[in-house]
Amino acid sequence: MSPVEPSDVSRAQEAIGYRFRDPSLLSRALTHASIADSRLASNERLEFLGDAILGTIVCDYLFQRFPDLLEGDLTKIKSTVVSRRTCSALAIELGLEELLALGKGMKTRTALPASLSAAVIEAVVGAIYLDGGMDAARSFLMPLLEPVIERAAESGHQQNFKSVLQQHAQRELMAQPSYVMLDDKGPDHAKAFHICVEIDGRRFPGCWATSKKQAEQQAALAALNELGLMKTLDDGHVIYAPSSPNGSHESAA
């Protein structure tokens, strides 16, 4: 017997806007390994398949949408669009993480790890693909992902602020950024890190985050902001906008 209630399957179908011929596929997509009878009965195999389908659909769209972009630029946009962060945000937006069947130990968490909520989206994509084919999976994904793709293409950074800062520092400052650990706190399983950027002896504001990688990205963004290279739009999104020779701002693609 599936641990997912039929009412939750119905709610999930409403949320994703797709009605399954075989609802058991969706039920399995919403079954975490912590509650499944076996890992083969969980959503892990569907997650594996959905990850590949998601990547294929996004790559095909990017190839058609941006005929003038080189492989490296397409890869940067794709990395943002199929990232754990994006997939997790989509799962939360659709309410799918609330419908995920979890074991008792997982239910005690105050918030689901991003990896779990991201996996739900991938598993659902895999389920839709098996039930309705590639066109059905594309019809589900692209209305959700098109705004993400456009923002990533326009931003000029695809959330990789370290890469943008390194390119700017090497090209304009003839220097290499270094990342300095200022402090850390908390137990080993829940540490927070305080990191700043230093370029040619100049130290920029430090940033706290729950991983060194994220703290470095935030520190790079802080440095870019202080250097006047970023612009915040009315909707809150940040774009890379270095000044052109005439003083105006241009977004780097």
C-alpha atoms as a PDB file:
ATOM      1  CA  MET A   1       0.000   0.000   0.000  1.00  0.00           C
ATOM      2  CA  SER A   2       1.328   3.435  -0.922  1.00  0.00           C
ATOM      3  CA  PRO A   3       2.181   5.773   1.980  1.00  0.00           C
ATOM      4  CA  VAL A   4       0.825   8.670  -0.103  1.00  0.00           C
ATOM      5  CA  GLU A   5      -2.839   9.449   0.486  1.00  0.00           C
ATOM      6  CA  PRO A   6      -5.082   9.545  -2.620  1.00  0.00           C
ATOM      7  CA  SER A   7      -6.127  13.056  -1.598  1.00  0.00           C
ATOM      8  CA  ASP A   8      -2.477  14.160  -1.732  1.00  0.00           C
ATOM      9  CA  VAL A   9      -2.116  12.664  -5.205  1.00  0.00           C
ATOM     10  CA  SER A  10      -5.162  14.671  -6.289  1.00  0.00           C
ATOM     11  CA  ARG A  11      -3.751  17.847  -4.742  1.00  0.00           C
ATOM     12  CA  ALA A  12      -0.420  17.264  -6.481  1.00  0.00           C
ATOM     13  CA  GLN A  13      -2.136  16.816  -9.851  1.00  0.00           C
ATOM     14  CA  GLU A  14      -3.936  20.116  -9.351  1.00  0.00           C
ATOM     15  CA  ALA A  15      -0.703  21.834  -8.352  1.00  0.00           C
ATOM     16  CA  ILE A  16       1.289  20.661 -11.369  1.00  0.00           C
ATOM     17  CA  GLY A  17      -1.576  21.021 -13.852  1.00  0.00           C
ATOM     18  CA  TYR A  18      -1.258  17.499 -15.225  1.00  0.00           C
ATOM     19  CA  ARG A  19      -3.652  14.564 -14.781  1.00  0.00           C
ATOM     20  CA  PHE A  20      -1.965  11.172 -14.781  1.00  0.00           C
ATOM     21  CA  ARG A  21      -3.243   8.178 -16.673  1.00  0.00           C
ATOM     22  CA  ASP A  22      -1.338   6.141 -14.082  1.00  0.00           C
ATOM     23  CA  PRO A  23      -1.565   8.007 -10.738  1.00  0.00           C
ATOM     24  CA  SER A  24       0.705   5.428  -9.090  1.00  0.00           C
ATOM     25  CA  LEU A  25       3.619   7.108 -10.869  1.00  0.00           C
ATOM     26  CA  LEU A  26       2.882  10.376  -9.104  1.00  0.00           C
ATOM     27  CA  SER A  27       2.365   8.539  -5.832  1.00  0.00           C
ATOM     28  CA  ARG A  28       5.841   7.030  -6.155  1.00  0.00           C
ATOM     29  CA  ALA A  29       7.298  10.443  -7.046  1.00  0.00           C
ATOM     30  CA  LEU A  30       5.990  11.701  -3.697  1.00  0.00           C
ATOM     31  CA  THR A  31       7.406   8.774  -1.696  1.00  0.00           C
ATOM     32  CA  HIS A  32      10.691   9.430   0.086  1.00  0.00           C
ATOM     33  CA  ALA A  33      13.045   6.555   0.833  1.00  0.00           C
ATOM     34  CA  SER A  34      12.617   7.119   4.573  1.00  0.00           C
ATOM     35  CA  ILE A  35       9.041   5.802   4.423  1.00  0.00           C
ATOM     36  CA  ALA A  36       9.136   3.427   1.434  1.00  0.00           C
ATOM     37  CA  ASP A  37       9.158  -0.355   1.891  1.00  0.00           C
ATOM     38  CA  SER A  38      12.416  -0.375  -0.058  1.00  0.00           C
ATOM     39  CA  ARG A  39      14.512   2.165  -1.928  1.00  0.00           C
ATOM     40  CA  LEU A  40      13.214   0.671  -5.181  1.00  0.00           C
ATOM     41  CA  ALA A  41       9.714   1.660  -4.023  1.00  0.00           C
ATOM     42  CA  SER A  42      10.813   5.271  -3.336  1.00  0.00           C
ATOM     43  CA  ASN A  43      11.139   8.212  -5.711  1.00  0.00           C
ATOM     44  CA  GLU A  44      14.902   7.780  -6.189  1.00  0.00           C
ATOM     45  CA  ARG A  45      14.739   6.094  -9.608  1.00  0.00           C
ATOM     46  CA  LEU A  46      12.227   8.678 -10.842  1.00  0.00           C
ATOM     47  CA  GLU A  47      14.524  11.422  -9.545  1.00  0.00           C
ATOM     48  CA  PHE A  48      17.395   9.943 -11.583  1.00  0.00           C
ATOM     49  CA  LEU A  49      15.264   9.878 -14.732  1.00  0.00           C
ATOM     50  CA  GLY A  50      13.725  13.304 -14.128  1.00  0.00           C
ATOM     51  CA  ASP A  51      17.130  14.914 -13.679  1.00  0.00           C
ATOM     52  CA  ALA A  52      18.112  13.760 -17.174  1.00  0.00           C
ATOM     53  CA  ILE A  53      14.784  14.832 -18.705  1.00  0.00           C
ATOM     54  CA  LEU A  54      15.000  18.255 -17.030  1.00  0.00           C
ATOM     55  CA  GLY A  55      18.516  18.774 -18.390  1.00  0.00           C
ATOM     56  CA  THR A  56      17.508  17.723 -21.905  1.00  0.00           C
ATOM     57  CA  ILE A  57      14.472  20.009 -22.018  1.00  0.00           C
ATOM     58  CA  VAL A  58      16.438  22.996 -20.700  1.00  0.00           C
ATOM     59  CA  CYS A  59      19.364  22.418 -23.080  1.00  0.00           C
ATOM     60  CA  ASP A  60      17.013  22.136 -26.061  1.00  0.00           C
ATOM     61  CA  TYR A  61      15.235  25.353 -25.074  1.00  0.00           C
ATOM     62  CA  LEU A  62      18.488  27.260 -24.527  1.00  0.00           C
ATOM     63  CA  PHE A  63      19.905  26.048 -27.852  1.00  0.00           C
ATOM     64  CA  GLN A  64      16.842  27.359 -29.702  1.00  0.00           C
ATOM     65  CA  ARG A  65      16.323  30.502 -27.612  1.00  0.00           C
ATOM     66  CA  PHE A  66      19.903  31.837 -27.712  1.00  0.00           C
ATOM     67  CA  PRO A  67      21.410  31.037 -31.144  1.00  0.00           C
ATOM     68  CA  ASP A  68      24.264  33.522 -30.623  1.00  0.00           C
ATOM     69  CA  LEU A  69      25.515  32.241 -27.259  1.00  0.00           C
ATOM     70  CA  LEU A  70      28.571  30.017 -27.062  1.00  0.00           C
ATOM     71  CA  GLU A  71      28.635  26.692 -25.236  1.00  0.00           C
ATOM     72  CA  GLY A  72      30.189  28.177 -22.110  1.00  0.00           C
ATOM     73  CA  ASP A  73      27.475  30.822 -21.727  1.00  0.00           C
ATOM     74  CA  LEU A  74      24.740  28.270 -22.350  1.00  0.00           C
ATOM     75  CA  THR A  75      26.268  26.013 -19.699  1.00  0.00           C
ATOM     76  CA  LYS A  76      26.272  28.828 -17.133  1.00  0.00           C
ATOM     77  CA  ILE A  77      22.591  29.543 -17.681  1.00  0.00           C
ATOM     78  CA  LYS A  78      21.720  25.851 -17.603  1.00  0.00           C
ATOM     79  CA  SER A  79      23.582  25.401 -14.319  1.00  0.00           C
ATOM     80  CA  THR A  80      21.407  28.049 -12.687  1.00  0.00           C
ATOM     81  CA  VAL A  81      18.153  26.755 -14.155  1.00  0.00           C
ATOM     82  CA  VAL A  82      18.620  23.092 -13.181  1.00  0.00           C
ATOM     83  CA  SER A  83      20.301  23.861  -9.848  1.00  0.00           C
ATOM     84  CA  ARG A  84      19.133  22.484  -6.517  1.00  0.00           C
ATOM     85  CA  ARG A  85      18.225  26.020  -5.496  1.00  0.00           C
ATOM     86  CA  THR A  86      15.902  26.532  -8.475  1.00  0.00           C
ATOM     87  CA  CYS A  87      14.270  23.106  -8.222  1.00  0.00           C
ATOM     88  CA  SER A  88      13.740  23.523  -4.498  1.00  0.00           C
ATOM     89  CA  ALA A  89      12.109  26.926  -5.056  1.00  0.00           C
ATOM     90  CA  LEU A  90       9.773  25.418  -7.648  1.00  0.00           C
ATOM     91  CA  ALA A  91       8.773  22.585  -5.297  1.00  0.00           C
ATOM     92  CA  ILE A  92       7.954  25.118  -2.588  1.00  0.00           C
ATOM     93  CA  GLU A  93       6.079  27.366  -5.035  1.00  0.00           C
ATOM     94  CA  LEU A  94       3.891  24.437  -6.127  1.00  0.00           C
ATOM     95  CA  GLY A  95       3.440  23.119  -2.586  1.00  0.00           C
ATOM     96  CA  LEU A  96       4.902  19.723  -3.498  1.00  0.00           C
ATOM     97  CA  GLU A  97       7.222  19.536  -0.519  1.00  0.00           C
ATOM     98  CA  GLU A  98       4.166  19.544   1.756  1.00  0.00           C
ATOM     99  CA  LEU A  99       2.808  16.492  -0.093  1.00  0.00           C
ATOM    100  CA  LEU A 100       6.005  14.441   0.137  1.00  0.00           C
ATOM    101  CA  ALA A 101       5.523  11.285   2.242  1.00  0.00           C
ATOM    102  CA  LEU A 102       8.346  11.105   4.816  1.00  0.00           C
ATOM    103  CA  GLY A 103       9.405   8.767   7.591  1.00  0.00           C
ATOM    104  CA  LYS A 104       8.807   9.833  11.190  1.00  0.00           C
ATOM    105  CA  GLY A 105      12.432  10.888  11.706  1.00  0.00           C
ATOM    106  CA  MET A 106      12.296  13.268   8.742  1.00  0.00           C
ATOM    107  CA  LYS A 107       9.017  14.855   9.858  1.00  0.00           C
ATOM    108  CA  THR A 108      10.619  16.246  13.007  1.00  0.00           C
ATOM    109  CA  ARG A 109      12.728  18.681  10.945  1.00  0.00           C
ATOM    110  CA  THR A 110      11.568  22.286  10.988  1.00  0.00           C
ATOM    111  CA  ALA A 111      12.331  22.642   7.287  1.00  0.00           C
ATOM    112  CA  LEU A 112      13.137  20.203   4.518  1.00  0.00           C
ATOM    113  CA  PRO A 113      16.695  20.285   3.165  1.00  0.00           C
ATOM    114  CA  ALA A 114      16.812  21.868  -0.279  1.00  0.00           C
ATOM    115  CA  SER A 115      18.050  18.572  -1.708  1.00  0.00           C
ATOM    116  CA  LEU A 116      14.800  16.834  -0.719  1.00  0.00           C
ATOM    117  CA  SER A 117      12.451  19.438  -2.137  1.00  0.00           C
ATOM    118  CA  ALA A 118      14.559  19.661  -5.320  1.00  0.00           C
ATOM    119  CA  ALA A 119      14.385  15.878  -5.686  1.00  0.00           C
ATOM    120  CA  VAL A 120      10.571  16.028  -5.623  1.00  0.00           C
ATOM    121  CA  ILE A 121      10.524  18.211  -8.734  1.00  0.00           C
ATOM    122  CA  GLU A 122      12.923  15.879 -10.555  1.00  0.00           C
ATOM    123  CA  ALA A 123      10.892  12.809  -9.540  1.00  0.00           C
ATOM    124  CA  VAL A 124       7.657  14.454 -10.712  1.00  0.00           C
ATOM    125  CA  VAL A 125       9.288  15.308 -14.054  1.00  0.00           C
ATOM    126  CA  GLY A 126      10.328  11.670 -14.402  1.00  0.00           C
ATOM    127  CA  ALA A 127       6.803  10.519 -13.565  1.00  0.00           C
ATOM    128  CA  ILE A 128       5.203  12.906 -16.074  1.00  0.00           C
ATOM    129  CA  TYR A 129       7.655  11.766 -18.761  1.00  0.00           C
ATOM    130  CA  LEU A 130       6.787   8.088 -18.208  1.00  0.00           C
ATOM    131  CA  ASP A 131       3.071   8.856 -18.184  1.00  0.00           C
ATOM    132  CA  GLY A 132       2.788  11.354 -21.017  1.00  0.00           C
ATOM    133  CA  GLY A 133       6.126  11.591 -22.816  1.00  0.00           C
ATOM    134  CA  MET A 134       8.566  14.414 -23.450  1.00  0.00           C
ATOM    135  CA  ASP A 135       5.947  16.909 -24.627  1.00  0.00           C
ATOM    136  CA  ALA A 136       4.004  16.535 -21.376  1.00  0.00           C
ATOM    137  CA  ALA A 137       7.173  17.036 -19.327  1.00  0.00           C
ATOM    138  CA  ARG A 138       8.069  20.088 -21.397  1.00  0.00           C
ATOM    139  CA  SER A 139       4.569  21.563 -21.008  1.00  0.00           C
ATOM    140  CA  PHE A 140       4.878  21.216 -17.244  1.00  0.00           C
ATOM    141  CA  LEU A 141       8.385  22.622 -16.937  1.00  0.00           C
ATOM    142  CA  MET A 142       8.743  25.473 -19.365  1.00  0.00           C
ATOM    143  CA  PRO A 143       6.091  27.874 -17.998  1.00  0.00           C
ATOM    144  CA  LEU A 144       7.886  27.557 -14.660  1.00  0.00           C
ATOM    145  CA  LEU A 145      11.411  27.812 -16.028  1.00  0.00           C
ATOM    146  CA  GLU A 146      11.132  30.469 -18.744  1.00  0.00           C
ATOM    147  CA  PRO A 147      11.212  33.382 -16.249  1.00  0.00           C
ATOM    148  CA  VAL A 148      14.181  31.765 -14.472  1.00  0.00           C
ATOM    149  CA  ILE A 149      16.010  31.376 -17.782  1.00  0.00           C
ATOM    150  CA  GLU A 150      15.383  34.975 -18.815  1.00  0.00           C
ATOM    151  CA  ARG A 151      16.594  36.314 -15.465  1.00  0.00           C
ATOM    152  CA  ALA A 152      19.694  34.121 -15.611  1.00  0.00           C
ATOM    153  CA  ALA A 153      20.490  35.258 -19.143  1.00  0.00           C
ATOM    154  CA  GLU A 154      19.989  38.934 -18.300  1.00  0.00           C
ATOM    155  CA  SER A 155      21.793  38.929 -14.964  1.00  0.00           C
ATOM    156  CA  GLY A 156      25.280  38.370 -16.328  1.00  0.00           C
ATOM    157  CA  HIS A 157      26.257  36.300 -13.291  1.00  0.00           C
ATOM    158  CA  GLN A 158      23.966  33.223 -13.046  1.00  0.00           C
ATOM    159  CA  GLN A 159      24.458  33.392  -9.259  1.00  0.00           C
ATOM    160  CA  ASN A 160      28.209  32.714  -9.651  1.00  0.00           C
ATOM    161  CA  PHE A 161      29.465  35.932  -8.112  1.00  0.00           C
ATOM    162  CA  LYS A 162      32.918  34.480  -7.453  1.00  0.00           C
ATOM    163  CA  SER A 163      33.470  33.930 -11.163  1.00  0.00           C
ATOM    164  CA  VAL A 164      32.292  37.452 -12.051  1.00  0.00           C
ATOM    165  CA  LEU A 165      34.518  38.992  -9.384  1.00  0.00           C
ATOM    166  CA  GLN A 166      37.543  36.974 -10.470  1.00  0.00           C
ATOM    167  CA  GLN A 167      37.121  38.000 -14.091  1.00  0.00           C
ATOM    168  CA  HIS A 168      36.736  41.666 -13.124  1.00  0.00           C
ATOM    169  CA  ALA A 169      39.709  41.620 -10.737  1.00  0.00           C
ATOM    170  CA  GLN A 170      42.007  39.972 -13.263  1.00  0.00           C
ATOM    171  CA  ARG A 171      40.904  42.164 -16.156  1.00  0.00           C
ATOM    172  CA  GLU A 172      40.548  45.544 -14.458  1.00  0.00           C
ATOM    173  CA  LEU A 173      42.572  45.359 -11.231  1.00  0.00           C
ATOM    174  CA  MET A 174      45.342  43.016 -12.374  1.00  0.00           C
ATOM    175  CA  ALA A 175      44.874  41.082  -9.151  1.00  0.00           C
ATOM    176  CA  GLN A 176      43.455  37.826  -7.839  1.00  0.00           C
ATOM    177  CA  PRO A 177      40.681  37.749  -5.189  1.00  0.00           C
ATOM    178  CA  SER A 178      41.375  35.725  -2.071  1.00  0.00           C
ATOM    179  CA  TYR A 179      38.819  34.557   0.492  1.00  0.00           C
ATOM    180  CA  VAL A 180      39.594  35.091   4.162  1.00  0.00           C
ATOM    181  CA  MET A 181      37.899  33.142   6.942  1.00  0.00           C
ATOM    182  CA  LEU A 182      37.071  35.705   9.619  1.00  0.00           C
ATOM    183  CA  ASP A 183      35.163  33.527  12.065  1.00  0.00           C
ATOM    184  CA  ASP A 184      32.989  30.444  12.456  1.00  0.00           C
ATOM    185  CA  LYS A 185      30.468  29.431  15.069  1.00  0.00           C
ATOM    186  CA  GLY A 186      28.113  26.630  15.992  1.00  0.00           C
ATOM    187  CA  PRO A 187      28.477  22.853  16.379  1.00  0.00           C
ATOM    188  CA  ASP A 188      30.084  20.783  13.623  1.00  0.00           C
ATOM    189  CA  HIS A 189      26.737  19.665  12.200  1.00  0.00           C
ATOM    190  CA  ALA A 190      25.371  23.231  12.004  1.00  0.00           C
ATOM    191  CA  LYS A 191      28.310  25.582  11.546  1.00  0.00           C
ATOM    192  CA  ALA A 192      28.121  29.104  10.159  1.00  0.00           C
ATOM    193  CA  PHE A 193      31.076  30.769   8.461  1.00  0.00           C
ATOM    194  CA  HIS A 194      32.102  34.430   8.235  1.00  0.00           C
ATOM    195  CA  ILE A 195      34.193  35.081   5.109  1.00  0.00           C
ATOM    196  CA  CYS A 196      35.365  38.173   3.280  1.00  0.00           C
ATOM    197  CA  VAL A 197      37.153  38.947   0.021  1.00  0.00           C
ATOM    198  CA  GLU A 198      40.548  40.592  -0.179  1.00  0.00           C
ATOM    199  CA  ILE A 199      41.906  42.037  -3.424  1.00  0.00           C
ATOM    200  CA  ASP A 200      45.369  43.554  -3.634  1.00  0.00           C
ATOM    201  CA  GLY A 201      45.346  44.411   0.078  1.00  0.00           C
ATOM    202  CA  ARG A 202      41.817  45.833   0.081  1.00  0.00           C
ATOM    203  CA  ARG A 203      39.407  43.961   2.331  1.00  0.00           C
ATOM    204  CA  PHE A 204      35.679  43.976   1.551  1.00  0.00           C
ATOM    205  CA  PRO A 205      32.728  43.388   3.927  1.00  0.00           C
ATOM    206  CA  GLY A 206      32.410  39.893   5.349  1.00  0.00           C
ATOM    207  CA  CYS A 207      29.323  37.685   5.049  1.00  0.00           C
ATOM    208  CA  TRP A 208      27.877  34.870   7.148  1.00  0.00           C
ATOM    209  CA  ALA A 209      26.423  31.685   5.658  1.00  0.00           C
ATOM    210  CA  THR A 210      25.874  28.088   6.682  1.00  0.00           C
ATOM    211  CA  SER A 211      28.465  26.763   4.215  1.00  0.00           C
ATOM    212  CA  LYS A 212      31.871  28.033   3.160  1.00  0.00           C
ATOM    213  CA  LYS A 213      30.804  27.928  -0.489  1.00  0.00           C
ATOM    214  CA  GLN A 214      27.751  30.104   0.119  1.00  0.00           C
ATOM    215  CA  ALA A 215      29.657  32.487   2.377  1.00  0.00           C
ATOM    216  CA  GLU A 216      32.267  32.962  -0.355  1.00  0.00           C
ATOM    217  CA  GLN A 217      29.556  33.649  -2.942  1.00  0.00           C
ATOM    218  CA  GLN A 218      27.911  36.213  -0.675  1.00  0.00           C
ATOM    219  CA  ALA A 219      31.283  37.804   0.100  1.00  0.00           C
ATOM    220  CA  ALA A 220      31.983  38.054  -3.635  1.00  0.00           C
ATOM    221  CA  LEU A 221      28.596  39.739  -4.133  1.00  0.00           C
ATOM    222  CA  ALA A 222      29.387  42.174  -1.305  1.00  0.00           C
ATOM    223  CA  ALA A 223      32.677  43.059  -3.015  1.00  0.00           C
ATOM    224  CA  LEU A 224      30.945  43.509  -6.373  1.00  0.00           C
ATOM    225  CA  ASN A 225      28.396  45.792  -4.734  1.00  0.00           C
ATOM    226  CA  GLU A 226      31.105  47.890  -3.081  1.00  0.00           C
ATOM    227  CA  LEU A 227      32.916  48.159  -6.408  1.00  0.00           C
ATOM    228  CA  GLY A 228      29.693  49.513  -7.955  1.00  0.00           C
ATOM    229  CA  LEU A 229      29.350  46.631 -10.392  1.00  0.00           C
ATOM    230  CA  MET A 230      25.904  45.356  -9.417  1.00  0.00           C
ATOM    231  CA  LYS A 231      22.463  46.864  -9.858  1.00  0.00           C
ATOM    232  CA  THR A 232      19.301  45.837  -8.000  1.00  0.00           C
ATOM    233  CA  LEU A 233      16.151  45.968 -10.113  1.00  0.00           C
ATOM    234  CA  ASP A 234      12.717  46.970  -8.851  1.00  0.00           C
ATOM    235  CA  ASP A 235      11.727  43.309  -8.518  1.00  0.00           C
ATOM    236  CA  GLY A 236      14.715  42.640  -6.248  1.00  0.00           C
ATOM    237  CA  HIS A 237      16.831  40.775  -8.771  1.00  0.00           C
ATOM    238  CA  VAL A 238      20.492  41.679  -9.018  1.00  0.00           C
ATOM    239  CA  ILE A 239      22.253  42.120 -12.346  1.00  0.00           C
ATOM    240  CA  TYR A 240      25.894  42.630 -13.242  1.00  0.00           C
ATOM    241  CA  ALA A 241      26.022  46.168 -14.598  1.00  0.00           C
ATOM    242  CA  PRO A 242      29.549  47.581 -14.912  1.00  0.00           C
ATOM    243  CA  SER A 243      29.819  51.166 -16.070  1.00  0.00           C
ATOM    244  CA  SER A 244      30.562  51.700 -19.719  1.00  0.00           C
ATOM    245  CA  PRO A 245      33.052  54.403 -20.816  1.00  0.00           C
ATOM    246  CA  ASN A 246      30.203  56.927 -21.180  1.00  0.00           C
ATOM    247  CA  GLY A 247      29.083  56.336 -17.602  1.00  0.00           C
ATOM    248  CA  SER A 248      25.979  54.297 -18.348  1.00  0.00           C
ATOM    249  CA  HIS A 249      25.481  50.756 -17.070  1.00  0.00           C
ATOM    250  CA  GLU A 250      25.529  47.720 -19.307  1.00  0.00           C
ATOM    251  CA  SER A 251      24.501  44.207 -18.362  1.00  0.00           C
ATOM    252  CA  ALA A 252      27.114  41.643 -19.241  1.00  0.00           C
ATOM    253  CA  ALA A 253      25.643  38.549 -20.869  1.00  0.00           C
END
